Each structure stands twice: as C-alpha cells, then as structure tokens.
Amino acid sequence: MKIALIVPMPEEAEFYYQHFHDRKEEMFGCTKFEHFSVNENEIYLGLSGIGKVNAAMNLTSLLAKVDIDLIIMTGSAGSLKPEIKKKDVIVVDSFAYHDAHNTAAGDYVEGQIPREPARFNLQSKERKQFNSFLKVKKVAYKEGLVVTGDSFIASEAAKAEIEANFPEAVGVEMEGASFAQVAYHFKKPLIALRAISDNGDEDANESFEEFVKEAGQKAADLIISYLKQ
C-alpha cells in the first residue's frame, strides 16, 4: 500500500524518524515528504503545516501526484468534554468546521461549507481495521465528532461557543476537517488519530506546550506499531 502519514508540526514528526530509516526526500508542491519503505508499504511522511489552508494545500499536492491508498493523520487536539482528559486518544469518526456559519445561506447546518457534506464521515474498512488493532492491543480510545477552525482555542468563552453549536463534539483542532474534505473529494480513506494535549481553556497554551510532544509520542507509537504489524 501507499500510505500518506501527515502531522502538523516538526515536534510531532520527529518521533517517526527514530523508527523509519533510509528515507528519500521528495517535493510535492511546496511540501517536502519523506519517502520510506516499511513492511512492503510505501510511507510518505509530511508536515501539513498549521491551519486549514496549509492542510488542504499540502495533502492535495501529494494526492494529485501519487495514487495514495490510505491517509493517516495524527497530532493533538483540545478536549471539549470533561470526561475526555489530557493524554486520551481520539479516533475521529467525523469532522466539521466550527468556524463555518452558513445556515443563512441555504439549507445548511452549523459547520457545513455550502455544497459540501454536513459532516465528513470517516467510516471505512481501513478505519475498522485500525480500531480492531487498538482493541487487540488493549489501547483505550474515544470516538466522536472533532471540529476544526483556524483559531487556537484558549478561553472558556470560545470553548462555550463551540460547545453550543456542536454539543456532540469531543475535540477541537486546526486541520482535520480540511484533510477530510480533501480525502472526500479524492475518494481516499482517512484515519484520523488525535491525542488530547489541553482542555481548550485559559490554561490551554501552557498545557499545549507541556503536552504536545507527549501527545505526539503517544500517537506515533500507535501508528508505528500498526504499520509494522
């Protein structure tokens, strides 16, 4: 299989370099991808950058050139539920944009881009296989809707607004819905794994800096183990 493995930040990518060797650098658009061979799979590891435009641009650049079989997105997210704590793992089942407010433009719901799906559903056989792997490994994880926007959520007021519009959402981050939208149009399965690094409140910045590497390490360990099985 050809697998795209994309993370937003260098702090999150560095853990993969410890396990993947003999890499070749390739440029797709303005994004550098590291090309590895792991258990007869071709892995394209790249940084998406932070935010929706970077995520969509860089994934599109790869998919337009390489017939990728599976996209795996890893990284961190803020919690939107009190029962979801720092270091918890979320296997996302759908994405929406928390900063898309288009209900006045037609028959749309909160989080929906006009003429796009109301939610980007990630259900696929590949996602089921990954969940089965987690269960065999006895890895605890959460599932649910995660919402995406271009702002780092670091106040109770901002968090409350999101919770009011998306009461079912379990997490918030800055790239996932863009990945999901691109994957939807290219008809590619997407597995999205987020490790909770903060609670999206006034302590989010301090918590993020403290936990982002640990959250990235947790996600990387799971992905590497899955790819090497």
C-alpha atoms as a PDB file:
ATOM      1  CA  MET A   1       0.000   0.000   0.000  1.00  0.00           C
ATOM      2  CA  LYS A   2       0.924   3.625  -0.459  1.00  0.00           C
ATOM      3  CA  ILE A   3       0.200   5.438   2.788  1.00  0.00           C
ATOM      4  CA  ALA A   4       0.286   9.173   3.431  1.00  0.00           C
ATOM      5  CA  LEU A   5       1.225   9.897   7.037  1.00  0.00           C
ATOM      6  CA  ILE A   6       0.812  13.576   7.805  1.00  0.00           C
ATOM      7  CA  VAL A   7       1.336  15.542  11.007  1.00  0.00           C
ATOM      8  CA  PRO A   8       1.101  19.321  11.518  1.00  0.00           C
ATOM      9  CA  MET A   9       4.324  20.091  13.400  1.00  0.00           C
ATOM     10  CA  PRO A  10       8.017  19.058  13.433  1.00  0.00           C
ATOM     11  CA  GLU A  11       7.675  18.274  17.152  1.00  0.00           C
ATOM     12  CA  GLU A  12       5.193  15.578  16.200  1.00  0.00           C
ATOM     13  CA  ALA A  13       7.108  14.256  13.176  1.00  0.00           C
ATOM     14  CA  GLU A  14      10.429  13.684  14.926  1.00  0.00           C
ATOM     15  CA  PHE A  15       9.215  10.523  16.658  1.00  0.00           C
ATOM     16  CA  TYR A  16       8.747   8.745  13.328  1.00  0.00           C
ATOM     17  CA  TYR A  17      12.314   9.379  12.213  1.00  0.00           C
ATOM     18  CA  GLN A  18      13.503   7.216  15.102  1.00  0.00           C
ATOM     19  CA  HIS A  19      11.788   4.189  13.543  1.00  0.00           C
ATOM     20  CA  PHE A  20      11.769   4.856   9.778  1.00  0.00           C
ATOM     21  CA  HIS A  21      15.172   4.749   8.066  1.00  0.00           C
ATOM     22  CA  ASP A  22      16.746   5.056   4.595  1.00  0.00           C
ATOM     23  CA  ARG A  23      14.408   7.840   3.640  1.00  0.00           C
ATOM     24  CA  LYS A  24      14.305   9.751   0.398  1.00  0.00           C
ATOM     25  CA  GLU A  25      13.142  13.351   0.266  1.00  0.00           C
ATOM     26  CA  GLU A  26      10.562  14.283  -2.367  1.00  0.00           C
ATOM     27  CA  MET A  27       8.845  17.604  -3.023  1.00  0.00           C
ATOM     28  CA  PHE A  28       5.149  17.777  -3.849  1.00  0.00           C
ATOM     29  CA  GLY A  29       4.090  21.340  -4.442  1.00  0.00           C
ATOM     30  CA  CYS A  30       5.753  23.323  -1.672  1.00  0.00           C
ATOM     31  CA  THR A  31       5.735  20.407   0.792  1.00  0.00           C
ATOM     32  CA  LYS A  32       8.666  18.100   1.457  1.00  0.00           C
ATOM     33  CA  PHE A  33       7.712  14.484   2.097  1.00  0.00           C
ATOM     34  CA  GLU A  34       9.991  11.797   3.461  1.00  0.00           C
ATOM     35  CA  HIS A  35       9.535   8.570   1.478  1.00  0.00           C
ATOM     36  CA  PHE A  36      10.116   5.306   3.373  1.00  0.00           C
ATOM     37  CA  SER A  37       9.502   1.594   2.786  1.00  0.00           C
ATOM     38  CA  VAL A  38       8.008  -0.188   5.805  1.00  0.00           C
ATOM     39  CA  ASN A  39       6.826  -3.822   5.639  1.00  0.00           C
ATOM     40  CA  GLU A  40       6.285  -3.587   1.869  1.00  0.00           C
ATOM     41  CA  ASN A  41       4.281  -0.404   2.348  1.00  0.00           C
ATOM     42  CA  GLU A  42       5.404   2.908   0.887  1.00  0.00           C
ATOM     43  CA  ILE A  43       5.096   5.643   3.507  1.00  0.00           C
ATOM     44  CA  TYR A  44       5.002   9.322   2.602  1.00  0.00           C
ATOM     45  CA  LEU A  45       5.592  11.300   5.789  1.00  0.00           C
ATOM     46  CA  GLY A  46       4.984  15.024   5.541  1.00  0.00           C
ATOM     47  CA  LEU A  47       4.231  18.111   7.565  1.00  0.00           C
ATOM     48  CA  SER A  48       0.898  19.716   6.784  1.00  0.00           C
ATOM     49  CA  GLY A  49       1.663  22.989   8.476  1.00  0.00           C
ATOM     50  CA  ILE A  50      -0.817  24.543  10.893  1.00  0.00           C
ATOM     51  CA  GLY A  51      -4.321  25.574   9.870  1.00  0.00           C
ATOM     52  CA  LYS A  52      -6.908  24.687   7.269  1.00  0.00           C
ATOM     53  CA  VAL A  53      -5.309  26.118   4.127  1.00  0.00           C
ATOM     54  CA  ASN A  54      -1.908  24.551   4.779  1.00  0.00           C
ATOM     55  CA  ALA A  55      -3.513  21.184   5.481  1.00  0.00           C
ATOM     56  CA  ALA A  56      -5.646  21.183   2.334  1.00  0.00           C
ATOM     57  CA  MET A  57      -2.887  22.553   0.098  1.00  0.00           C
ATOM     58  CA  ASN A  58      -0.231  20.094   1.137  1.00  0.00           C
ATOM     59  CA  LEU A  59      -2.381  16.970   1.121  1.00  0.00           C
ATOM     60  CA  THR A  60      -3.781  17.925  -2.287  1.00  0.00           C
ATOM     61  CA  SER A  61      -0.251  18.379  -3.647  1.00  0.00           C
ATOM     62  CA  LEU A  62       0.579  14.788  -2.706  1.00  0.00           C
ATOM     63  CA  LEU A  63      -2.687  13.198  -3.846  1.00  0.00           C
ATOM     64  CA  ALA A  64      -2.503  14.932  -7.214  1.00  0.00           C
ATOM     65  CA  LYS A  65       0.826  13.194  -7.907  1.00  0.00           C
ATOM     66  CA  VAL A  66       0.693   9.864  -6.035  1.00  0.00           C
ATOM     67  CA  ASP A  67      -2.137   7.316  -6.020  1.00  0.00           C
ATOM     68  CA  ILE A  68      -2.288   7.032  -2.236  1.00  0.00           C
ATOM     69  CA  ASP A  69      -4.302   4.112  -0.807  1.00  0.00           C
ATOM     70  CA  LEU A  70      -4.699   5.394   2.746  1.00  0.00           C
ATOM     71  CA  ILE A  71      -4.244   8.688   4.578  1.00  0.00           C
ATOM     72  CA  ILE A  72      -3.313   8.662   8.256  1.00  0.00           C
ATOM     73  CA  MET A  73      -3.491  11.965  10.092  1.00  0.00           C
ATOM     74  CA  THR A  74      -2.016  12.262  13.557  1.00  0.00           C
ATOM     75  CA  GLY A  75      -1.439  15.059  16.015  1.00  0.00           C
ATOM     76  CA  SER A  76      -3.010  16.733  19.013  1.00  0.00           C
ATOM     77  CA  ALA A  77      -6.353  18.299  19.917  1.00  0.00           C
ATOM     78  CA  GLY A  78      -8.098  20.134  22.724  1.00  0.00           C
ATOM     79  CA  SER A  79     -10.821  18.413  24.706  1.00  0.00           C
ATOM     80  CA  LEU A  80     -14.443  19.569  24.562  1.00  0.00           C
ATOM     81  CA  LYS A  81     -15.782  17.052  27.077  1.00  0.00           C
ATOM     82  CA  PRO A  82     -14.965  16.852  30.794  1.00  0.00           C
ATOM     83  CA  GLU A  83     -14.685  13.081  30.585  1.00  0.00           C
ATOM     84  CA  ILE A  84     -12.010  13.343  27.866  1.00  0.00           C
ATOM     85  CA  LYS A  85      -8.737  14.095  29.599  1.00  0.00           C
ATOM     86  CA  LYS A  86      -5.218  15.056  28.641  1.00  0.00           C
ATOM     87  CA  LYS A  87      -3.348  12.160  27.003  1.00  0.00           C
ATOM     88  CA  ASP A  88      -6.590  10.443  25.945  1.00  0.00           C
ATOM     89  CA  VAL A  89      -6.665   9.173  22.352  1.00  0.00           C
ATOM     90  CA  ILE A  90      -9.479  10.028  19.938  1.00  0.00           C
ATOM     91  CA  VAL A  91     -10.084   8.036  16.762  1.00  0.00           C
ATOM     92  CA  VAL A  92     -12.206  10.598  14.934  1.00  0.00           C
ATOM     93  CA  ASP A  93     -15.394   9.348  13.279  1.00  0.00           C
ATOM     94  CA  SER A  94     -16.380  12.670  11.638  1.00  0.00           C
ATOM     95  CA  PHE A  95     -15.228  16.239  11.136  1.00  0.00           C
ATOM     96  CA  ALA A  96     -16.895  19.640  10.741  1.00  0.00           C
ATOM     97  CA  TYR A  97     -15.734  23.258  10.687  1.00  0.00           C
ATOM     98  CA  HIS A  98     -16.557  25.092  13.913  1.00  0.00           C
ATOM     99  CA  ASP A  99     -15.936  28.426  12.168  1.00  0.00           C
ATOM    100  CA  ALA A 100     -18.325  27.752   9.249  1.00  0.00           C
ATOM    101  CA  HIS A 101     -21.644  29.513   9.925  1.00  0.00           C
ATOM    102  CA  ASN A 102     -23.739  29.228   6.763  1.00  0.00           C
ATOM    103  CA  THR A 103     -27.248  28.459   7.964  1.00  0.00           C
ATOM    104  CA  ALA A 104     -28.462  31.782   6.495  1.00  0.00           C
ATOM    105  CA  ALA A 105     -27.130  30.839   3.048  1.00  0.00           C
ATOM    106  CA  GLY A 106     -29.498  27.930   2.482  1.00  0.00           C
ATOM    107  CA  ASP A 107     -30.432  24.536   3.880  1.00  0.00           C
ATOM    108  CA  TYR A 108     -27.178  24.108   5.769  1.00  0.00           C
ATOM    109  CA  VAL A 109     -26.221  23.210   9.329  1.00  0.00           C
ATOM    110  CA  GLU A 110     -23.553  24.659  11.594  1.00  0.00           C
ATOM    111  CA  GLY A 111     -20.114  23.536  10.486  1.00  0.00           C
ATOM    112  CA  GLN A 112     -21.099  22.969   6.858  1.00  0.00           C
ATOM    113  CA  ILE A 113     -19.456  24.571   3.837  1.00  0.00           C
ATOM    114  CA  PRO A 114     -22.085  25.318   1.157  1.00  0.00           C
ATOM    115  CA  ARG A 115     -22.461  22.440  -1.308  1.00  0.00           C
ATOM    116  CA  GLU A 116     -20.239  20.200   0.818  1.00  0.00           C
ATOM    117  CA  PRO A 117     -21.368  17.414   3.178  1.00  0.00           C
ATOM    118  CA  ALA A 118     -22.805  18.472   6.536  1.00  0.00           C
ATOM    119  CA  ARG A 119     -20.232  16.204   8.190  1.00  0.00           C
ATOM    120  CA  PHE A 120     -17.207  14.474   6.724  1.00  0.00           C
ATOM    121  CA  ASN A 121     -17.792  10.898   7.850  1.00  0.00           C
ATOM    122  CA  LEU A 122     -14.634   8.803   8.158  1.00  0.00           C
ATOM    123  CA  GLN A 123     -16.229   5.356   8.346  1.00  0.00           C
ATOM    124  CA  SER A 124     -14.280   2.875   6.202  1.00  0.00           C
ATOM    125  CA  LYS A 125     -12.967  -0.681   6.307  1.00  0.00           C
ATOM    126  CA  GLU A 126      -9.489   0.717   6.927  1.00  0.00           C
ATOM    127  CA  ARG A 127     -10.704   2.619   9.979  1.00  0.00           C
ATOM    128  CA  LYS A 128     -12.436  -0.512  11.284  1.00  0.00           C
ATOM    129  CA  GLN A 129      -9.204  -2.472  10.880  1.00  0.00           C
ATOM    130  CA  PHE A 130      -7.302   0.165  12.812  1.00  0.00           C
ATOM    131  CA  ASN A 131      -9.881   0.146  15.616  1.00  0.00           C
ATOM    132  CA  SER A 132      -9.643  -3.643  15.758  1.00  0.00           C
ATOM    133  CA  PHE A 133      -5.859  -3.315  16.114  1.00  0.00           C
ATOM    134  CA  LEU A 134      -6.326  -0.913  19.038  1.00  0.00           C
ATOM    135  CA  LYS A 135      -8.718  -3.317  20.738  1.00  0.00           C
ATOM    136  CA  VAL A 136      -6.329  -6.244  20.325  1.00  0.00           C
ATOM    137  CA  LYS A 137      -3.579  -4.111  21.835  1.00  0.00           C
ATOM    138  CA  LYS A 138      -5.966  -3.111  24.636  1.00  0.00           C
ATOM    139  CA  VAL A 139      -5.493   0.566  23.849  1.00  0.00           C
ATOM    140  CA  ALA A 140      -8.255   2.704  25.311  1.00  0.00           C
ATOM    141  CA  TYR A 141      -9.632   5.305  22.920  1.00  0.00           C
ATOM    142  CA  LYS A 142     -12.582   7.612  22.386  1.00  0.00           C
ATOM    143  CA  GLU A 143     -14.594   8.228  19.228  1.00  0.00           C
ATOM    144  CA  GLY A 144     -16.717  11.101  18.002  1.00  0.00           C
ATOM    145  CA  LEU A 145     -17.007  14.350  16.103  1.00  0.00           C
ATOM    146  CA  VAL A 146     -13.987  16.659  16.127  1.00  0.00           C
ATOM    147  CA  VAL A 147     -14.327  20.246  14.916  1.00  0.00           C
ATOM    148  CA  THR A 148     -11.754  22.315  13.064  1.00  0.00           C
ATOM    149  CA  GLY A 149     -11.016  26.035  12.828  1.00  0.00           C
ATOM    150  CA  ASP A 150      -8.153  28.424  12.249  1.00  0.00           C
ATOM    151  CA  SER A 151      -8.027  29.662  15.846  1.00  0.00           C
ATOM    152  CA  PHE A 152      -6.236  28.060  18.773  1.00  0.00           C
ATOM    153  CA  ILE A 153      -8.959  27.720  21.402  1.00  0.00           C
ATOM    154  CA  ALA A 154      -7.679  29.084  24.702  1.00  0.00           C
ATOM    155  CA  SER A 155     -10.638  30.585  26.574  1.00  0.00           C
ATOM    156  CA  GLU A 156     -13.792  29.327  28.227  1.00  0.00           C
ATOM    157  CA  ALA A 157     -15.810  31.809  26.133  1.00  0.00           C
ATOM    158  CA  ALA A 158     -14.518  30.454  22.824  1.00  0.00           C
ATOM    159  CA  LYS A 159     -14.952  26.911  24.038  1.00  0.00           C
ATOM    160  CA  ALA A 160     -18.536  27.595  25.179  1.00  0.00           C
ATOM    161  CA  GLU A 161     -19.468  28.979  21.754  1.00  0.00           C
ATOM    162  CA  ILE A 162     -18.214  25.830  20.057  1.00  0.00           C
ATOM    163  CA  GLU A 163     -19.988  23.605  22.571  1.00  0.00           C
ATOM    164  CA  ALA A 164     -23.251  25.476  21.968  1.00  0.00           C
ATOM    165  CA  ASN A 165     -23.066  24.890  18.209  1.00  0.00           C
ATOM    166  CA  PHE A 166     -21.642  21.365  18.412  1.00  0.00           C
ATOM    167  CA  PRO A 167     -22.836  19.754  21.658  1.00  0.00           C
ATOM    168  CA  GLU A 168     -21.787  16.312  20.420  1.00  0.00           C
ATOM    169  CA  ALA A 169     -18.191  17.331  19.570  1.00  0.00           C
ATOM    170  CA  VAL A 170     -15.452  15.700  21.631  1.00  0.00           C
ATOM    171  CA  GLY A 171     -12.429  17.688  20.471  1.00  0.00           C
ATOM    172  CA  VAL A 172     -11.213  20.784  18.626  1.00  0.00           C
ATOM    173  CA  GLU A 173      -8.144  21.332  16.444  1.00  0.00           C
ATOM    174  CA  MET A 174      -6.938  23.215  13.356  1.00  0.00           C
ATOM    175  CA  GLU A 175      -6.515  20.859  10.366  1.00  0.00           C
ATOM    176  CA  GLY A 176      -8.710  17.763  10.429  1.00  0.00           C
ATOM    177  CA  ALA A 177     -11.818  18.878   8.541  1.00  0.00           C
ATOM    178  CA  SER A 178      -9.614  20.176   5.716  1.00  0.00           C
ATOM    179  CA  PHE A 179      -7.901  16.798   5.444  1.00  0.00           C
ATOM    180  CA  ALA A 180     -11.307  15.123   5.490  1.00  0.00           C
ATOM    181  CA  GLN A 181     -12.688  17.408   2.786  1.00  0.00           C
ATOM    182  CA  VAL A 182      -9.723  16.713   0.503  1.00  0.00           C
ATOM    183  CA  ALA A 183      -9.916  12.958   1.189  1.00  0.00           C
ATOM    184  CA  TYR A 184     -13.650  13.029   0.425  1.00  0.00           C
ATOM    185  CA  HIS A 185     -13.103  14.594  -2.999  1.00  0.00           C
ATOM    186  CA  PHE A 186     -10.206  12.281  -3.855  1.00  0.00           C
ATOM    187  CA  LYS A 187     -12.253   9.305  -2.578  1.00  0.00           C
ATOM    188  CA  LYS A 188      -9.474   8.170  -0.229  1.00  0.00           C
ATOM    189  CA  PRO A 189      -9.967   6.611   3.236  1.00  0.00           C
ATOM    190  CA  LEU A 190      -8.737   8.694   6.145  1.00  0.00           C
ATOM    191  CA  ILE A 191      -7.796   7.536   9.632  1.00  0.00           C
ATOM    192  CA  ALA A 192      -7.580  10.497  11.991  1.00  0.00           C
ATOM    193  CA  LEU A 193      -5.901   9.998  15.335  1.00  0.00           C
ATOM    194  CA  ARG A 194      -5.713  12.816  17.862  1.00  0.00           C
ATOM    195  CA  ALA A 195      -4.141  12.746  21.320  1.00  0.00           C
ATOM    196  CA  ILE A 196      -5.533  15.274  23.788  1.00  0.00           C
ATOM    197  CA  SER A 197      -2.956  17.904  24.749  1.00  0.00           C
ATOM    198  CA  ASP A 198      -5.128  20.527  26.506  1.00  0.00           C
ATOM    199  CA  ASN A 199      -8.639  21.405  27.643  1.00  0.00           C
ATOM    200  CA  GLY A 200      -9.216  24.359  25.317  1.00  0.00           C
ATOM    201  CA  ASP A 201      -9.452  26.828  28.226  1.00  0.00           C
ATOM    202  CA  GLU A 202      -7.301  29.622  29.645  1.00  0.00           C
ATOM    203  CA  ASP A 203      -4.579  27.114  30.530  1.00  0.00           C
ATOM    204  CA  ALA A 204      -4.505  25.705  27.001  1.00  0.00           C
ATOM    205  CA  ASN A 205      -1.329  27.464  25.867  1.00  0.00           C
ATOM    206  CA  GLU A 206       0.678  26.296  28.868  1.00  0.00           C
ATOM    207  CA  SER A 207      -0.832  22.819  28.651  1.00  0.00           C
ATOM    208  CA  PHE A 208      -0.214  22.613  24.908  1.00  0.00           C
ATOM    209  CA  GLU A 209       3.465  23.450  25.229  1.00  0.00           C
ATOM    210  CA  GLU A 210       3.822  20.889  28.005  1.00  0.00           C
ATOM    211  CA  PHE A 211       1.893  18.044  26.448  1.00  0.00           C
ATOM    212  CA  VAL A 212       2.273  18.411  22.666  1.00  0.00           C
ATOM    213  CA  LYS A 213       5.374  16.229  22.492  1.00  0.00           C
ATOM    214  CA  GLU A 214       3.937  13.645  24.823  1.00  0.00           C
ATOM    215  CA  ALA A 215       0.683  13.580  22.859  1.00  0.00           C
ATOM    216  CA  GLY A 216       2.617  13.304  19.607  1.00  0.00           C
ATOM    217  CA  GLN A 217       4.702  10.458  21.004  1.00  0.00           C
ATOM    218  CA  LYS A 218       1.576   8.546  22.017  1.00  0.00           C
ATOM    219  CA  ALA A 219       0.037   8.862  18.562  1.00  0.00           C
ATOM    220  CA  ALA A 220       3.328   7.984  16.851  1.00  0.00           C
ATOM    221  CA  ASP A 221       3.836   4.841  18.948  1.00  0.00           C
ATOM    222  CA  LEU A 222       0.399   3.557  17.946  1.00  0.00           C
ATOM    223  CA  ILE A 223       0.816   4.338  14.257  1.00  0.00           C
ATOM    224  CA  ILE A 224       4.302   2.826  14.047  1.00  0.00           C
ATOM    225  CA  SER A 225       3.170  -0.334  15.792  1.00  0.00           C
ATOM    226  CA  TYR A 226       0.212  -0.592  13.396  1.00  0.00           C
ATOM    227  CA  LEU A 227       2.366  -0.147  10.289  1.00  0.00           C
ATOM    228  CA  LYS A 228       4.939  -2.677  11.446  1.00  0.00           C
ATOM    229  CA  GLN A 229       2.487  -5.435  12.352  1.00  0.00           C
END
